[in-house]
Each structure stands twice: as structure tokens, then as C-alpha cells.
Amino acid sequence: MKDDFNKATRILRTSSNQVALIAINGCCYGKDDLPDKGSYFKYCGQCFWEFLSGDSELYTKIIVPLGHKAKEKNDNFMTEYSKVLNNFTAQFIADFCEDGEINWKKLLEYNSGKKT
């Protein structure tokens, strides 16, 4: 990232546009009491959202709706993940287990044996 910031600065300095460049590393969460990193600035959490919007309270206004959406998506993901995991486990047992034990020879042949 630093290399990319420095490269962009060099390119813009040599162009005829002479654009003022300030590199920003934005982080949606967290804190950093020393945002000036020398060749760039790092804004975290409230400072990042305020930098983007000009609203010092935006981070608190968006977190509740984001939390609800994240929980909804996470619940849906876990439901689907459980289905896939259960199907995978059932298929693995059907294909590679006998009397509750893994048939390692059969599994190894499936994974690494020659196709016939």
C-alpha cells in the first residue's frame, strides 16, 4: 500500500496537472490517535466515517442497521453452512466409512490412486 501511495505521488508530481495528493488509508472500525503516518494518513472508526461524510455521528447512525443486516446474513449463512456440512458428512460416511470407522485405504485410493 505504501509503495502504491508513493508511486501515485511520483506519477502525479511528474504530470502536467500538478494535483495535490494526500494518501488516505481508511479503516471502517478501530482507533488511531496518530493518523499522520508521514507519507499518508490513516483514519479509523469515527474519524474515517467523519472524513467521508462530514458527519461526526455517522458511525453511530450506521452501526445499528449494519448490525441487524449482519446478523440476518450470518443467521442465513449458518443455516446453509450447516446443511452443506451435514450433507458432506453424510456423503463422507456413506463413501468412506464402515462400521463407524474411516476406511483409510479406500479414502487414500480415492484421493491419490490411479484412475482406472
Protein backbone atom coordinates (compact mmCIF):
# COMPACT_ATOMS: atom_id res chain seq x y z
CA MET A 1 0.00 0.00 0.00
CA LYS A 2 2.80 2.41 0.90
CA ASP A 3 4.55 1.57 -2.36
CA ASP A 4 1.34 2.27 -4.28
CA PHE A 5 0.87 5.59 -2.47
CA ASN A 6 4.46 6.58 -3.25
CA LYS A 7 4.14 5.51 -6.89
CA ALA A 8 0.93 7.55 -7.31
CA THR A 9 2.63 10.56 -5.75
CA ARG A 10 5.63 10.26 -8.12
CA ILE A 11 3.39 9.88 -11.16
CA LEU A 12 1.22 12.85 -10.25
CA ARG A 13 4.23 15.04 -9.47
CA THR A 14 5.68 14.40 -12.94
CA SER A 15 2.38 15.01 -14.73
CA SER A 16 1.44 18.41 -16.05
CA ASN A 17 -1.65 18.55 -13.82
CA GLN A 18 0.28 19.17 -10.59
CA VAL A 19 -2.55 17.72 -8.48
CA ALA A 20 -2.15 17.93 -4.72
CA LEU A 21 -2.14 14.39 -3.40
CA ILE A 22 -2.89 13.23 0.10
CA ALA A 23 -2.92 9.46 0.52
CA ILE A 24 -5.53 8.12 2.94
CA ASN A 25 -5.73 4.64 4.42
CA GLY A 26 -9.30 4.27 5.68
CA CYS A 27 -10.41 1.68 8.21
CA CYS A 28 -14.11 1.26 8.99
CA TYR A 29 -13.50 0.49 12.67
CA GLY A 30 -10.93 0.94 15.40
CA LYS A 31 -8.96 3.89 16.73
CA ASP A 32 -5.68 5.53 15.83
CA ASP A 33 -4.71 8.60 17.81
CA LEU A 34 -1.80 9.35 15.48
CA PRO A 35 -3.29 9.41 11.96
CA ASP A 36 -0.30 11.14 10.33
CA LYS A 37 1.96 8.31 9.16
CA GLY A 38 4.38 10.57 7.32
CA SER A 39 3.67 9.71 3.70
CA TYR A 40 -0.06 9.06 4.26
CA PHE A 41 -2.87 9.42 6.79
CA LYS A 42 -4.72 6.57 8.44
CA TYR A 43 -8.26 7.31 9.58
CA CYS A 44 -10.05 4.71 11.70
CA GLY A 45 -13.56 4.32 13.05
CA GLN A 46 -15.32 7.58 13.80
CA CYS A 47 -12.55 9.61 12.14
CA PHE A 48 -12.87 7.60 8.91
CA TRP A 49 -16.66 7.97 8.69
CA GLU A 50 -16.46 11.67 9.54
CA PHE A 51 -13.78 12.17 6.89
CA LEU A 52 -16.05 10.57 4.28
CA SER A 53 -19.30 12.26 5.27
CA GLY A 54 -18.52 15.35 7.32
CA ASP A 55 -20.89 13.91 9.97
CA SER A 56 -19.12 13.14 13.26
CA GLU A 57 -22.02 10.89 14.32
CA LEU A 58 -22.35 8.85 11.13
CA TYR A 59 -20.53 5.87 12.60
CA THR A 60 -23.19 5.52 15.33
CA LYS A 61 -26.04 6.09 12.88
CA ILE A 62 -24.95 3.29 10.54
CA ILE A 63 -23.79 0.66 13.02
CA VAL A 64 -27.24 -0.38 14.28
CA PRO A 65 -28.71 -1.04 10.80
CA LEU A 66 -25.46 -2.73 9.75
CA GLY A 67 -25.61 -4.92 12.85
CA HIS A 68 -29.15 -6.04 12.07
CA LYS A 69 -28.26 -6.83 8.45
CA ALA A 70 -25.07 -8.62 9.50
CA LYS A 71 -26.97 -10.80 11.99
CA GLU A 72 -29.59 -11.64 9.38
CA LYS A 73 -26.91 -12.58 6.83
CA ASN A 74 -24.94 -14.51 9.45
CA ASP A 75 -28.03 -16.48 10.52
CA ASN A 76 -28.78 -17.35 6.89
CA PHE A 77 -25.16 -18.31 6.30
CA MET A 78 -25.07 -20.58 9.34
CA THR A 79 -28.27 -22.34 8.24
CA GLU A 80 -26.87 -23.00 4.77
CA TYR A 81 -23.41 -23.88 6.14
CA SER A 82 -24.98 -26.46 8.48
CA LYS A 83 -26.85 -28.04 5.56
CA VAL A 84 -23.68 -28.31 3.47
CA LEU A 85 -21.67 -29.66 6.39
CA ASN A 86 -24.35 -32.25 7.19
CA ASN A 87 -24.59 -33.33 3.53
CA PHE A 88 -20.82 -33.53 3.24
CA THR A 89 -20.57 -35.58 6.43
CA ALA A 90 -23.34 -37.96 5.32
CA GLN A 91 -21.68 -38.44 1.92
CA PHE A 92 -18.25 -38.98 3.52
CA ILE A 93 -19.69 -41.59 5.88
CA ALA A 94 -21.51 -43.32 3.03
CA ASP A 95 -18.41 -43.39 0.80
CA PHE A 96 -15.52 -43.89 3.20
CA CYS A 97 -16.73 -45.36 6.48
CA GLU A 98 -17.52 -48.92 7.54
CA ASP A 99 -18.98 -49.80 10.94
CA GLY A 100 -18.37 -46.23 12.16
CA GLU A 101 -14.69 -46.18 11.22
CA ILE A 102 -12.92 -44.46 8.34
CA ASN A 103 -11.69 -46.89 5.69
CA TRP A 104 -8.34 -45.18 5.17
CA LYS A 105 -7.31 -47.42 2.30
CA LYS A 106 -10.47 -46.56 0.36
CA LEU A 107 -10.05 -42.84 1.14
CA LEU A 108 -6.39 -42.88 0.10
CA GLU A 109 -7.20 -44.71 -3.12
CA TYR A 110 -9.94 -42.19 -3.91
CA ASN A 111 -7.63 -39.24 -3.21
CA SER A 112 -4.35 -40.47 -4.65
CA GLY A 113 -4.88 -43.67 -6.61
CA LYS A 114 -4.68 -44.05 -10.36
CA LYS A 115 -7.89 -43.69 -12.33
CA THR A 116 -8.79 -46.95 -13.95
